[in-house]
N, C-alpha and C. Protein backbone atom coordinates (compact mmCIF):
# COMPACT_ATOMS: atom_id res chain seq x y z
N MET A 1 0.83 -1.20 0.00
CA MET A 1 0.00 0.00 0.00
C MET A 1 0.86 1.25 0.00
N ASP A 2 1.94 1.25 0.79
CA ASP A 2 2.84 2.40 0.83
C ASP A 2 3.46 2.65 -0.53
N ALA A 3 3.83 1.59 -1.22
CA ALA A 3 4.44 1.74 -2.55
C ALA A 3 3.45 2.36 -3.53
N LYS A 4 2.19 1.93 -3.46
CA LYS A 4 1.17 2.49 -4.34
C LYS A 4 0.98 3.98 -4.04
N LEU A 5 0.94 4.33 -2.74
CA LEU A 5 0.74 5.72 -2.36
C LEU A 5 1.90 6.58 -2.84
N THR A 6 3.13 6.06 -2.69
CA THR A 6 4.31 6.80 -3.13
C THR A 6 4.28 7.04 -4.63
N CYS A 7 3.94 6.00 -5.40
CA CYS A 7 3.85 6.15 -6.86
C CYS A 7 2.80 7.18 -7.24
N SER A 8 1.67 7.17 -6.54
CA SER A 8 0.60 8.12 -6.84
C SER A 8 1.04 9.55 -6.58
N VAL A 9 1.74 9.78 -5.44
CA VAL A 9 2.21 11.12 -5.10
C VAL A 9 3.20 11.62 -6.13
N VAL A 10 4.14 10.76 -6.54
CA VAL A 10 5.14 11.15 -7.54
C VAL A 10 4.46 11.49 -8.86
N PHE A 11 3.48 10.69 -9.27
CA PHE A 11 2.81 10.91 -10.55
C PHE A 11 2.01 12.20 -10.53
N VAL A 12 1.27 12.45 -9.43
CA VAL A 12 0.49 13.68 -9.32
C VAL A 12 1.40 14.90 -9.31
N THR A 13 2.55 14.80 -8.61
CA THR A 13 3.51 15.90 -8.59
C THR A 13 4.03 16.19 -9.99
N PHE A 14 4.31 15.13 -10.75
CA PHE A 14 4.78 15.29 -12.13
C PHE A 14 3.74 16.01 -12.98
N LEU A 15 2.46 15.61 -12.82
CA LEU A 15 1.41 16.26 -13.58
C LEU A 15 1.29 17.73 -13.19
N GLY A 16 1.43 18.01 -11.89
CA GLY A 16 1.33 19.39 -11.44
C GLY A 16 2.44 20.25 -12.01
N GLU A 17 3.65 19.73 -12.07
CA GLU A 17 4.77 20.47 -12.64
C GLU A 17 4.53 20.77 -14.11
N MET A 18 3.96 19.80 -14.82
CA MET A 18 3.65 20.03 -16.23
C MET A 18 2.59 21.11 -16.39
N PHE A 19 1.58 21.09 -15.50
CA PHE A 19 0.46 22.00 -15.64
C PHE A 19 0.86 23.45 -15.42
N ILE A 20 1.76 23.69 -14.47
CA ILE A 20 2.13 25.06 -14.18
C ILE A 20 3.27 25.55 -15.06
N SER A 21 3.87 24.65 -15.83
CA SER A 21 4.96 25.06 -16.72
C SER A 21 4.40 25.78 -17.94
N PRO A 22 5.11 26.75 -18.49
CA PRO A 22 4.62 27.44 -19.68
C PRO A 22 4.65 26.53 -20.89
N VAL A 23 3.66 26.67 -21.75
CA VAL A 23 3.61 25.90 -22.99
C VAL A 23 4.46 26.61 -24.03
N ASN A 24 5.37 25.88 -24.62
CA ASN A 24 6.34 26.49 -25.53
C ASN A 24 5.83 26.63 -26.95
N ALA A 25 4.83 25.83 -27.32
CA ALA A 25 4.34 25.87 -28.70
C ALA A 25 2.92 25.36 -28.74
N GLU A 26 2.20 25.75 -29.78
CA GLU A 26 0.85 25.26 -29.99
C GLU A 26 0.84 24.40 -31.25
N ASN A 27 0.32 23.18 -31.13
CA ASN A 27 0.30 22.25 -32.25
C ASN A 27 -1.12 21.99 -32.72
N ARG A 28 -1.22 21.27 -33.84
CA ARG A 28 -2.51 21.07 -34.49
C ARG A 28 -3.18 19.76 -34.12
N PHE A 29 -2.69 19.05 -33.11
CA PHE A 29 -3.29 17.78 -32.74
C PHE A 29 -4.74 17.98 -32.30
N ASN A 30 -5.62 17.11 -32.77
CA ASN A 30 -7.03 17.14 -32.38
C ASN A 30 -7.24 16.06 -31.32
N TYR A 31 -7.61 16.46 -30.11
CA TYR A 31 -7.79 15.52 -29.01
C TYR A 31 -9.25 15.19 -28.75
N ASN A 32 -10.14 15.58 -29.63
CA ASN A 32 -11.54 15.17 -29.51
C ASN A 32 -11.78 14.03 -30.50
N TYR A 33 -11.69 12.79 -30.00
CA TYR A 33 -11.83 11.66 -30.92
C TYR A 33 -12.33 10.41 -30.20
N LEU A 34 -12.85 9.48 -31.00
CA LEU A 34 -13.21 8.13 -30.58
C LEU A 34 -12.32 7.16 -31.33
N TYR A 35 -12.04 6.01 -30.72
CA TYR A 35 -11.16 5.04 -31.38
C TYR A 35 -11.66 3.62 -31.13
N ALA A 36 -11.22 2.71 -32.00
CA ALA A 36 -11.43 1.27 -31.83
C ALA A 36 -10.17 0.55 -32.29
N ASP A 37 -9.60 -0.28 -31.40
CA ASP A 37 -8.38 -1.03 -31.69
C ASP A 37 -8.68 -2.53 -31.68
N LEU A 38 -8.11 -3.25 -32.61
CA LEU A 38 -8.20 -4.71 -32.65
C LEU A 38 -6.79 -5.25 -32.76
N ALA A 39 -6.43 -6.18 -31.84
CA ALA A 39 -5.05 -6.67 -31.80
C ALA A 39 -5.02 -8.17 -31.55
N ALA A 40 -3.93 -8.79 -31.96
CA ALA A 40 -3.67 -10.20 -31.70
C ALA A 40 -2.18 -10.36 -31.44
N GLY A 41 -1.84 -11.35 -30.59
CA GLY A 41 -0.43 -11.53 -30.27
C GLY A 41 -0.16 -12.86 -29.58
N SER A 42 1.10 -13.01 -29.17
CA SER A 42 1.56 -14.27 -28.59
C SER A 42 2.42 -14.00 -27.37
N PHE A 43 2.44 -15.00 -26.48
CA PHE A 43 3.42 -14.98 -25.40
C PHE A 43 4.82 -15.04 -26.02
N ASN A 44 5.80 -14.50 -25.30
CA ASN A 44 7.14 -14.46 -25.85
C ASN A 44 7.65 -15.83 -26.28
N ASP A 45 7.32 -16.86 -25.50
CA ASP A 45 7.81 -18.20 -25.82
C ASP A 45 7.17 -18.77 -27.08
N ASP A 46 6.04 -18.18 -27.50
CA ASP A 46 5.28 -18.74 -28.62
C ASP A 46 5.31 -17.87 -29.86
N ILE A 47 6.19 -16.87 -29.89
CA ILE A 47 6.23 -15.98 -31.05
C ILE A 47 6.50 -16.78 -32.32
N GLY A 48 5.66 -16.58 -33.31
CA GLY A 48 5.83 -17.28 -34.57
C GLY A 48 5.15 -18.62 -34.65
N THR A 49 4.58 -19.09 -33.52
CA THR A 49 3.95 -20.41 -33.52
C THR A 49 2.48 -20.36 -33.13
N ASN A 50 2.11 -19.49 -32.19
CA ASN A 50 0.73 -19.44 -31.71
C ASN A 50 0.26 -18.00 -31.54
N SER A 51 -1.04 -17.81 -31.73
CA SER A 51 -1.67 -16.54 -31.39
C SER A 51 -2.47 -16.78 -30.12
N ASN A 52 -1.88 -16.43 -28.97
CA ASN A 52 -2.48 -16.74 -27.68
C ASN A 52 -3.46 -15.69 -27.19
N VAL A 53 -3.37 -14.49 -27.75
CA VAL A 53 -4.11 -13.37 -27.18
C VAL A 53 -4.80 -12.58 -28.28
N THR A 54 -6.06 -12.23 -28.06
CA THR A 54 -6.76 -11.28 -28.91
C THR A 54 -7.41 -10.23 -28.01
N SER A 55 -7.55 -9.02 -28.51
CA SER A 55 -8.13 -7.96 -27.69
C SER A 55 -8.85 -6.95 -28.55
N LEU A 56 -9.87 -6.34 -27.95
CA LEU A 56 -10.62 -5.26 -28.57
C LEU A 56 -10.70 -4.11 -27.57
N SER A 57 -10.30 -2.92 -28.02
CA SER A 57 -10.33 -1.74 -27.16
C SER A 57 -11.12 -0.64 -27.85
N VAL A 58 -11.94 0.06 -27.07
CA VAL A 58 -12.68 1.22 -27.57
C VAL A 58 -12.61 2.32 -26.53
N GLY A 59 -12.75 3.55 -26.98
CA GLY A 59 -12.70 4.66 -26.03
C GLY A 59 -12.57 5.98 -26.76
N GLY A 60 -12.03 6.96 -26.04
CA GLY A 60 -11.87 8.27 -26.66
C GLY A 60 -11.29 9.29 -25.72
N LYS A 61 -11.09 10.48 -26.25
CA LYS A 61 -10.61 11.63 -25.48
C LYS A 61 -11.45 12.85 -25.83
N LYS A 62 -11.51 13.77 -24.87
CA LYS A 62 -12.22 15.03 -25.10
C LYS A 62 -11.45 16.15 -24.43
N LEU A 63 -11.19 17.21 -25.17
CA LEU A 63 -10.49 18.38 -24.63
C LEU A 63 -11.52 19.23 -23.89
N ILE A 64 -11.41 19.27 -22.55
CA ILE A 64 -12.40 20.01 -21.76
C ILE A 64 -11.91 21.41 -21.39
N GLN A 65 -10.60 21.62 -21.40
CA GLN A 65 -10.00 22.94 -21.32
C GLN A 65 -8.80 22.95 -22.25
N GLU A 66 -8.11 24.07 -22.33
CA GLU A 66 -7.06 24.21 -23.33
C GLU A 66 -6.02 23.10 -23.26
N HIS A 67 -5.66 22.66 -22.04
CA HIS A 67 -4.63 21.65 -21.89
C HIS A 67 -5.07 20.48 -21.01
N ILE A 68 -6.37 20.35 -20.78
CA ILE A 68 -6.89 19.30 -19.91
C ILE A 68 -7.81 18.39 -20.71
N LEU A 69 -7.59 17.07 -20.62
CA LEU A 69 -8.35 16.10 -21.36
C LEU A 69 -9.13 15.18 -20.43
N ALA A 70 -10.34 14.81 -20.84
CA ALA A 70 -11.05 13.70 -20.22
C ALA A 70 -10.84 12.47 -21.10
N THR A 71 -10.59 11.31 -20.48
CA THR A 71 -10.29 10.10 -21.23
C THR A 71 -11.17 8.95 -20.77
N LEU A 72 -11.39 8.00 -21.66
CA LEU A 72 -12.14 6.79 -21.32
C LEU A 72 -11.62 5.64 -22.18
N ASP A 73 -11.30 4.52 -21.52
CA ASP A 73 -10.78 3.35 -22.22
C ASP A 73 -11.49 2.10 -21.70
N TYR A 74 -11.99 1.29 -22.63
CA TYR A 74 -12.57 -0.02 -22.29
C TYR A 74 -11.85 -1.07 -23.13
N GLU A 75 -11.48 -2.17 -22.48
CA GLU A 75 -10.72 -3.21 -23.17
C GLU A 75 -11.23 -4.59 -22.79
N ALA A 76 -11.38 -5.45 -23.79
CA ALA A 76 -11.72 -6.85 -23.58
C ALA A 76 -10.59 -7.70 -24.16
N ARG A 77 -10.00 -8.56 -23.31
CA ARG A 77 -8.87 -9.40 -23.73
C ARG A 77 -9.20 -10.87 -23.50
N PHE A 78 -8.84 -11.70 -24.48
CA PHE A 78 -9.09 -13.13 -24.41
C PHE A 78 -7.74 -13.84 -24.56
N ILE A 79 -7.34 -14.55 -23.51
CA ILE A 79 -6.00 -15.12 -23.41
C ILE A 79 -6.11 -16.65 -23.31
N HIS A 80 -5.27 -17.34 -24.06
CA HIS A 80 -5.28 -18.81 -24.06
C HIS A 80 -3.92 -19.31 -23.60
N PRO A 81 -3.73 -19.45 -22.27
CA PRO A 81 -2.43 -19.90 -21.77
C PRO A 81 -2.10 -21.34 -22.16
N ASN A 82 -3.13 -22.14 -22.46
CA ASN A 82 -2.93 -23.50 -22.96
C ASN A 82 -4.14 -23.87 -23.81
N ASN A 83 -4.18 -25.12 -24.28
CA ASN A 83 -5.25 -25.54 -25.19
C ASN A 83 -6.58 -25.75 -24.48
N ASN A 84 -6.58 -25.77 -23.15
CA ASN A 84 -7.79 -26.12 -22.42
C ASN A 84 -8.40 -24.96 -21.65
N THR A 85 -7.75 -23.80 -21.65
CA THR A 85 -8.17 -22.72 -20.75
C THR A 85 -8.27 -21.39 -21.50
N THR A 86 -9.28 -20.61 -21.14
CA THR A 86 -9.43 -19.26 -21.66
C THR A 86 -9.56 -18.29 -20.49
N THR A 87 -8.72 -17.27 -20.49
CA THR A 87 -8.80 -16.21 -19.50
C THR A 87 -9.37 -14.97 -20.16
N GLU A 88 -10.33 -14.35 -19.49
CA GLU A 88 -10.95 -13.13 -20.00
C GLU A 88 -10.71 -11.99 -19.02
N ASN A 89 -10.18 -10.88 -19.52
CA ASN A 89 -9.97 -9.68 -18.71
C ASN A 89 -10.70 -8.51 -19.36
N TYR A 90 -11.53 -7.84 -18.56
CA TYR A 90 -12.25 -6.66 -19.03
C TYR A 90 -11.90 -5.48 -18.13
N THR A 91 -11.47 -4.39 -18.72
CA THR A 91 -11.09 -3.21 -17.93
C THR A 91 -11.87 -1.99 -18.44
N LEU A 92 -12.35 -1.20 -17.49
CA LEU A 92 -13.00 0.07 -17.77
C LEU A 92 -12.26 1.14 -16.98
N LEU A 93 -11.62 2.08 -17.70
CA LEU A 93 -10.72 3.03 -17.06
C LEU A 93 -11.01 4.46 -17.52
N PRO A 94 -11.91 5.16 -16.83
CA PRO A 94 -12.04 6.60 -17.06
C PRO A 94 -10.89 7.34 -16.40
N GLY A 95 -10.59 8.54 -16.90
CA GLY A 95 -9.46 9.28 -16.32
C GLY A 95 -9.35 10.67 -16.89
N GLY A 96 -8.21 11.28 -16.64
CA GLY A 96 -7.92 12.62 -17.12
C GLY A 96 -6.46 12.72 -17.51
N ALA A 97 -6.12 13.74 -18.29
CA ALA A 97 -4.75 13.91 -18.76
C ALA A 97 -4.46 15.38 -18.99
N LEU A 98 -3.17 15.70 -19.00
CA LEU A 98 -2.69 17.04 -19.30
C LEU A 98 -1.83 17.00 -20.56
N ARG A 99 -2.00 17.99 -21.40
CA ARG A 99 -1.25 18.08 -22.66
C ARG A 99 -0.24 19.22 -22.56
N TYR A 100 0.97 18.91 -22.98
CA TYR A 100 2.06 19.91 -22.96
C TYR A 100 2.72 19.93 -24.32
N SER A 101 2.70 21.07 -24.99
CA SER A 101 3.35 21.21 -26.29
C SER A 101 4.83 21.54 -26.09
N ILE A 102 5.70 20.62 -26.48
CA ILE A 102 7.13 20.79 -26.27
C ILE A 102 7.70 21.79 -27.26
N GLU A 103 7.43 21.55 -28.53
CA GLU A 103 7.83 22.45 -29.61
C GLU A 103 6.96 22.12 -30.81
N GLU A 104 7.18 22.80 -31.90
CA GLU A 104 6.32 22.60 -33.06
C GLU A 104 6.35 21.15 -33.53
N GLY A 105 5.18 20.54 -33.59
CA GLY A 105 5.07 19.16 -34.04
C GLY A 105 5.18 18.13 -32.95
N TRP A 106 5.49 18.52 -31.72
CA TRP A 106 5.69 17.58 -30.61
C TRP A 106 4.77 17.91 -29.44
N ASP A 107 4.04 16.90 -28.96
CA ASP A 107 3.21 17.04 -27.76
C ASP A 107 3.54 15.93 -26.77
N LEU A 108 3.47 16.27 -25.49
CA LEU A 108 3.62 15.30 -24.40
C LEU A 108 2.33 15.27 -23.62
N ILE A 109 1.79 14.07 -23.39
CA ILE A 109 0.52 13.91 -22.67
C ILE A 109 0.75 12.95 -21.51
N ALA A 110 0.34 13.37 -20.32
CA ALA A 110 0.44 12.52 -19.14
C ALA A 110 -0.92 12.41 -18.48
N GLY A 111 -1.33 11.18 -18.14
CA GLY A 111 -2.67 10.98 -17.61
C GLY A 111 -2.70 10.01 -16.45
N ALA A 112 -3.82 10.03 -15.73
CA ALA A 112 -4.08 9.11 -14.63
C ALA A 112 -5.46 8.49 -14.84
N LYS A 113 -5.64 7.23 -14.41
CA LYS A 113 -6.89 6.51 -14.62
C LYS A 113 -7.30 5.80 -13.33
N LEU A 114 -8.60 5.68 -13.13
CA LEU A 114 -9.14 4.93 -11.99
C LEU A 114 -10.42 4.26 -12.45
N GLY A 115 -10.46 2.93 -12.38
CA GLY A 115 -11.63 2.21 -12.86
C GLY A 115 -11.74 0.84 -12.24
N TYR A 116 -12.12 -0.13 -13.07
CA TYR A 116 -12.42 -1.48 -12.56
C TYR A 116 -11.94 -2.52 -13.56
N VAL A 117 -11.57 -3.68 -13.02
CA VAL A 117 -11.17 -4.80 -13.86
C VAL A 117 -11.97 -6.04 -13.44
N TRP A 118 -12.48 -6.77 -14.44
CA TRP A 118 -13.15 -8.04 -14.22
C TRP A 118 -12.30 -9.12 -14.87
N SER A 119 -12.08 -10.21 -14.17
CA SER A 119 -11.25 -11.29 -14.71
C SER A 119 -11.90 -12.64 -14.42
N SER A 120 -11.83 -13.53 -15.39
CA SER A 120 -12.37 -14.88 -15.19
C SER A 120 -11.54 -15.87 -16.00
N GLN A 121 -11.58 -17.13 -15.57
CA GLN A 121 -10.89 -18.19 -16.29
C GLN A 121 -11.84 -19.37 -16.43
N THR A 122 -11.88 -19.95 -17.63
CA THR A 122 -12.84 -21.01 -17.93
C THR A 122 -12.11 -22.23 -18.49
N ASN A 123 -12.53 -23.40 -18.03
CA ASN A 123 -12.07 -24.65 -18.62
C ASN A 123 -12.85 -24.88 -19.91
N ASP A 124 -12.15 -24.85 -21.05
CA ASP A 124 -12.83 -24.94 -22.34
C ASP A 124 -13.44 -26.31 -22.61
N ILE A 125 -12.95 -27.34 -21.93
CA ILE A 125 -13.47 -28.69 -22.15
C ILE A 125 -14.78 -28.91 -21.41
N THR A 126 -14.82 -28.48 -20.14
CA THR A 126 -16.02 -28.68 -19.32
C THR A 126 -16.91 -27.44 -19.26
N ASP A 127 -16.41 -26.30 -19.80
CA ASP A 127 -17.12 -25.03 -19.72
C ASP A 127 -17.35 -24.58 -18.28
N GLU A 128 -16.50 -25.02 -17.37
CA GLU A 128 -16.62 -24.68 -15.96
C GLU A 128 -15.76 -23.46 -15.63
N LYS A 129 -16.33 -22.55 -14.83
CA LYS A 129 -15.58 -21.38 -14.37
C LYS A 129 -14.57 -21.81 -13.32
N VAL A 130 -13.29 -21.59 -13.61
CA VAL A 130 -12.23 -21.91 -12.67
C VAL A 130 -12.00 -20.76 -11.70
N PHE A 131 -12.19 -19.54 -12.21
CA PHE A 131 -11.90 -18.34 -11.42
C PHE A 131 -12.73 -17.19 -11.95
N SER A 132 -13.21 -16.34 -11.03
CA SER A 132 -13.94 -15.14 -11.44
C SER A 132 -13.85 -14.12 -10.32
N ASP A 133 -13.43 -12.89 -10.65
CA ASP A 133 -13.28 -11.86 -9.62
C ASP A 133 -13.22 -10.50 -10.29
N GLY A 134 -13.40 -9.46 -9.50
CA GLY A 134 -13.30 -8.09 -9.96
C GLY A 134 -12.67 -7.22 -8.90
N ASP A 135 -12.06 -6.12 -9.32
CA ASP A 135 -11.39 -5.25 -8.35
C ASP A 135 -11.16 -3.88 -8.99
N PHE A 136 -11.00 -2.87 -8.13
CA PHE A 136 -10.64 -1.55 -8.61
C PHE A 136 -9.24 -1.58 -9.23
N MET A 137 -9.07 -0.75 -10.25
CA MET A 137 -7.77 -0.66 -10.92
C MET A 137 -7.41 0.82 -11.08
N TRP A 138 -6.13 1.13 -10.87
CA TRP A 138 -5.65 2.49 -11.10
C TRP A 138 -4.41 2.41 -11.98
N GLY A 139 -4.07 3.53 -12.59
CA GLY A 139 -2.91 3.51 -13.46
C GLY A 139 -2.60 4.89 -14.01
N GLY A 140 -1.62 4.92 -14.87
CA GLY A 140 -1.22 6.17 -15.50
C GLY A 140 -0.45 5.90 -16.77
N ASP A 141 -0.36 6.92 -17.63
CA ASP A 141 0.38 6.75 -18.86
C ASP A 141 1.03 8.07 -19.28
N VAL A 142 2.07 7.95 -20.07
CA VAL A 142 2.77 9.10 -20.64
C VAL A 142 2.97 8.83 -22.12
N SER A 143 2.58 9.79 -22.97
CA SER A 143 2.69 9.63 -24.42
C SER A 143 3.47 10.79 -25.03
N LEU A 144 4.26 10.46 -26.03
CA LEU A 144 4.96 11.46 -26.83
C LEU A 144 4.44 11.35 -28.25
N LYS A 145 3.87 12.46 -28.77
CA LYS A 145 3.27 12.46 -30.11
C LYS A 145 4.08 13.37 -31.03
N TYR A 146 4.20 12.93 -32.28
CA TYR A 146 4.92 13.72 -33.28
C TYR A 146 4.12 13.75 -34.57
N GLU A 147 3.96 14.95 -35.12
CA GLU A 147 3.26 15.13 -36.38
C GLU A 147 4.26 15.21 -37.52
N LEU A 148 4.30 14.16 -38.33
CA LEU A 148 5.23 14.14 -39.46
C LEU A 148 4.82 15.14 -40.53
N ASP A 149 3.53 15.13 -40.87
CA ASP A 149 2.96 16.10 -41.81
C ASP A 149 1.47 16.17 -41.54
N GLN A 150 0.71 16.75 -42.46
CA GLN A 150 -0.72 16.93 -42.21
C GLN A 150 -1.51 15.62 -42.21
N HIS A 151 -0.90 14.53 -42.66
CA HIS A 151 -1.59 13.24 -42.71
C HIS A 151 -1.04 12.22 -41.71
N TRP A 152 0.26 12.27 -41.40
CA TRP A 152 0.89 11.23 -40.59
C TRP A 152 1.21 11.73 -39.18
N GLN A 153 0.88 10.89 -38.19
CA GLN A 153 1.27 11.12 -36.80
C GLN A 153 1.80 9.82 -36.21
N ILE A 154 2.81 9.93 -35.38
CA ILE A 154 3.32 8.77 -34.67
C ILE A 154 3.34 9.07 -33.18
N SER A 155 3.26 8.02 -32.36
CA SER A 155 3.26 8.22 -30.92
C SER A 155 3.92 7.04 -30.21
N LEU A 156 4.52 7.35 -29.07
CA LEU A 156 5.08 6.35 -28.16
C LEU A 156 4.39 6.52 -26.81
N THR A 157 3.95 5.41 -26.22
CA THR A 157 3.23 5.48 -24.95
C THR A 157 3.73 4.42 -23.99
N GLY A 158 3.96 4.82 -22.74
CA GLY A 158 4.24 3.89 -21.65
C GLY A 158 3.11 3.97 -20.64
N GLU A 159 2.58 2.83 -20.23
CA GLU A 159 1.43 2.81 -19.33
C GLU A 159 1.63 1.75 -18.26
N MET A 160 1.14 2.06 -17.04
CA MET A 160 1.09 1.07 -15.97
C MET A 160 -0.34 0.95 -15.48
N ARG A 161 -0.73 -0.29 -15.13
CA ARG A 161 -2.04 -0.57 -14.54
C ARG A 161 -1.83 -1.43 -13.31
N ARG A 162 -2.53 -1.09 -12.23
CA ARG A 162 -2.32 -1.79 -10.97
C ARG A 162 -3.66 -2.14 -10.31
N SER A 163 -3.76 -3.40 -9.84
CA SER A 163 -4.91 -3.86 -9.06
C SER A 163 -4.46 -5.11 -8.31
N ASP A 164 -5.31 -5.61 -7.41
CA ASP A 164 -4.99 -6.85 -6.70
C ASP A 164 -5.12 -8.07 -7.60
N ILE A 165 -5.82 -7.92 -8.72
CA ILE A 165 -5.99 -9.03 -9.66
C ILE A 165 -4.92 -9.02 -10.73
N LEU A 166 -4.61 -7.83 -11.26
CA LEU A 166 -3.72 -7.74 -12.41
C LEU A 166 -2.84 -6.50 -12.32
N ASP A 167 -1.54 -6.69 -12.37
CA ASP A 167 -0.57 -5.61 -12.54
C ASP A 167 0.03 -5.75 -13.93
N GLU A 168 0.09 -4.65 -14.65
CA GLU A 168 0.54 -4.74 -16.04
C GLU A 168 1.27 -3.47 -16.45
N ASP A 169 2.38 -3.64 -17.17
CA ASP A 169 3.11 -2.53 -17.79
C ASP A 169 3.02 -2.71 -19.30
N ILE A 170 2.72 -1.61 -19.99
CA ILE A 170 2.45 -1.68 -21.43
C ILE A 170 3.28 -0.63 -22.16
N PHE A 171 3.93 -1.04 -23.24
CA PHE A 171 4.63 -0.13 -24.14
C PHE A 171 3.92 -0.19 -25.49
N ASN A 172 3.60 0.98 -26.06
CA ASN A 172 2.87 1.04 -27.31
C ASN A 172 3.54 2.01 -28.28
N ILE A 173 3.66 1.61 -29.53
CA ILE A 173 4.09 2.50 -30.61
C ILE A 173 3.08 2.38 -31.73
N ARG A 174 2.66 3.53 -32.29
CA ARG A 174 1.64 3.51 -33.33
C ARG A 174 1.87 4.61 -34.34
N ALA A 175 1.33 4.40 -35.53
CA ALA A 175 1.38 5.39 -36.60
C ALA A 175 -0.03 5.55 -37.16
N ASP A 176 -0.51 6.79 -37.20
CA ASP A 176 -1.84 7.11 -37.71
C ASP A 176 -1.72 7.82 -39.06
N TYR A 177 -2.60 7.43 -39.98
CA TYR A 177 -2.65 8.10 -41.28
C TYR A 177 -4.07 8.59 -41.52
N GLN A 178 -4.22 9.89 -41.75
CA GLN A 178 -5.52 10.49 -41.96
C GLN A 178 -6.00 10.22 -43.37
N ILE A 179 -7.09 9.45 -43.50
CA ILE A 179 -7.60 9.10 -44.82
C ILE A 179 -8.77 9.99 -45.24
N PHE A 180 -9.48 10.56 -44.26
CA PHE A 180 -10.56 11.50 -44.51
C PHE A 180 -10.41 12.64 -43.50
N PRO A 181 -11.09 13.77 -43.73
CA PRO A 181 -10.95 14.89 -42.79
C PRO A 181 -11.23 14.52 -41.32
N ARG A 182 -12.11 13.55 -41.06
CA ARG A 182 -12.45 13.18 -39.69
C ARG A 182 -12.08 11.75 -39.32
N MET A 183 -11.31 11.08 -40.17
CA MET A 183 -11.03 9.67 -39.89
C MET A 183 -9.58 9.32 -40.22
N ALA A 184 -9.00 8.44 -39.39
CA ALA A 184 -7.64 7.96 -39.61
C ALA A 184 -7.58 6.46 -39.38
N LEU A 185 -6.68 5.80 -40.09
CA LEU A 185 -6.35 4.40 -39.86
C LEU A 185 -4.96 4.34 -39.25
N ALA A 186 -4.74 3.32 -38.41
CA ALA A 186 -3.45 3.21 -37.72
C ALA A 186 -3.02 1.76 -37.62
N GLY A 187 -1.72 1.59 -37.52
CA GLY A 187 -1.13 0.31 -37.16
C GLY A 187 -0.35 0.50 -35.88
N PHE A 188 -0.33 -0.52 -35.02
CA PHE A 188 0.37 -0.36 -33.74
C PHE A 188 0.96 -1.67 -33.25
N TYR A 189 1.91 -1.53 -32.33
CA TYR A 189 2.56 -2.66 -31.67
C TYR A 189 2.51 -2.45 -30.16
N ASN A 190 2.13 -3.50 -29.42
CA ASN A 190 2.11 -3.47 -27.96
C ASN A 190 3.07 -4.51 -27.40
N HIS A 191 3.79 -4.12 -26.36
CA HIS A 191 4.54 -5.08 -25.55
C HIS A 191 3.99 -4.98 -24.14
N ARG A 192 3.52 -6.10 -23.59
CA ARG A 192 2.91 -6.13 -22.26
C ARG A 192 3.68 -7.04 -21.34
N ASN A 193 3.79 -6.63 -20.09
CA ASN A 193 4.48 -7.42 -19.07
C ASN A 193 3.65 -7.38 -17.80
N ASN A 194 3.21 -8.56 -17.34
CA ASN A 194 2.43 -8.62 -16.10
C ASN A 194 3.21 -9.24 -14.94
N GLY A 195 4.53 -9.32 -15.10
CA GLY A 195 5.37 -9.87 -14.05
C GLY A 195 5.62 -11.35 -14.18
N LYS A 196 4.71 -12.08 -14.81
CA LYS A 196 4.86 -13.52 -15.01
C LYS A 196 5.09 -13.86 -16.47
N THR A 197 4.39 -13.17 -17.35
CA THR A 197 4.52 -13.43 -18.78
C THR A 197 4.62 -12.09 -19.52
N THR A 198 5.17 -12.14 -20.70
CA THR A 198 5.18 -10.98 -21.59
C THR A 198 4.48 -11.36 -22.89
N VAL A 199 3.82 -10.38 -23.48
CA VAL A 199 3.06 -10.60 -24.70
C VAL A 199 3.46 -9.53 -25.72
N ASN A 200 3.67 -9.95 -26.95
CA ASN A 200 3.89 -9.04 -28.07
C ASN A 200 2.70 -9.15 -29.00
N GLU A 201 2.12 -8.00 -29.36
CA GLU A 201 0.93 -8.05 -30.21
C GLU A 201 0.93 -6.88 -31.17
N GLY A 202 0.33 -7.10 -32.31
CA GLY A 202 0.16 -6.06 -33.31
C GLY A 202 -1.30 -5.89 -33.64
N GLY A 203 -1.66 -4.70 -34.16
CA GLY A 203 -3.06 -4.50 -34.44
C GLY A 203 -3.31 -3.35 -35.39
N ILE A 204 -4.60 -3.14 -35.66
CA ILE A 204 -5.05 -2.05 -36.49
C ILE A 204 -6.07 -1.23 -35.70
N SER A 205 -6.23 0.02 -36.11
CA SER A 205 -7.06 0.93 -35.35
C SER A 205 -7.79 1.88 -36.29
N VAL A 206 -8.97 2.30 -35.86
CA VAL A 206 -9.74 3.34 -36.53
C VAL A 206 -9.97 4.47 -35.54
N LYS A 207 -9.73 5.70 -35.98
CA LYS A 207 -9.92 6.88 -35.13
C LYS A 207 -10.88 7.84 -35.85
N TYR A 208 -11.86 8.36 -35.07
CA TYR A 208 -12.82 9.31 -35.64
C TYR A 208 -12.78 10.59 -34.82
N TRP A 209 -12.47 11.70 -35.46
CA TRP A 209 -12.45 13.00 -34.79
C TRP A 209 -13.85 13.62 -34.83
N TYR A 210 -14.26 14.21 -33.74
CA TYR A 210 -15.58 14.85 -33.71
C TYR A 210 -15.48 16.31 -33.28
């Protein structure tokens, strides 16, 4: 508990320093959008042989003040640790974030989240529930965004999620290409580490600006 409290204090202090710092540049990033991500991947030991994990994520961001964002993320993950078992993890994480323009074409976004995680495990042969539980989850993320031109954007994101059921660290890299004035397609890569296993996954995404 002390470690969680310490991490929270450090993260909030970091956000506060960003908020009171002067913004050096104004960029053209649109933070009012909805997204849908679809991904598949494998445990590190099974790369190239099995697709152990599939996931669907939906959510969005809304700029509520000049540099303050409201965020919402929902994710459903289906994990097959072996041929007989399916683990399902569902997370709902509303939160907020601060945007800081570093220089022209570069933005830094730092956010905090507090929500809930549901997890269950099922024996696929007998259809029997082996495990089922839910718990509050908290976390935070930091993203660096770069605008290559009026159509291309790339971003790097580091995220942590913590609960009594699931602790997870996530690294994400993605590239968005604007195909219509209000829509973009993206490709992305995730590396996840929950302390016991690591997963590498790739996916595609649709983003709609409103």
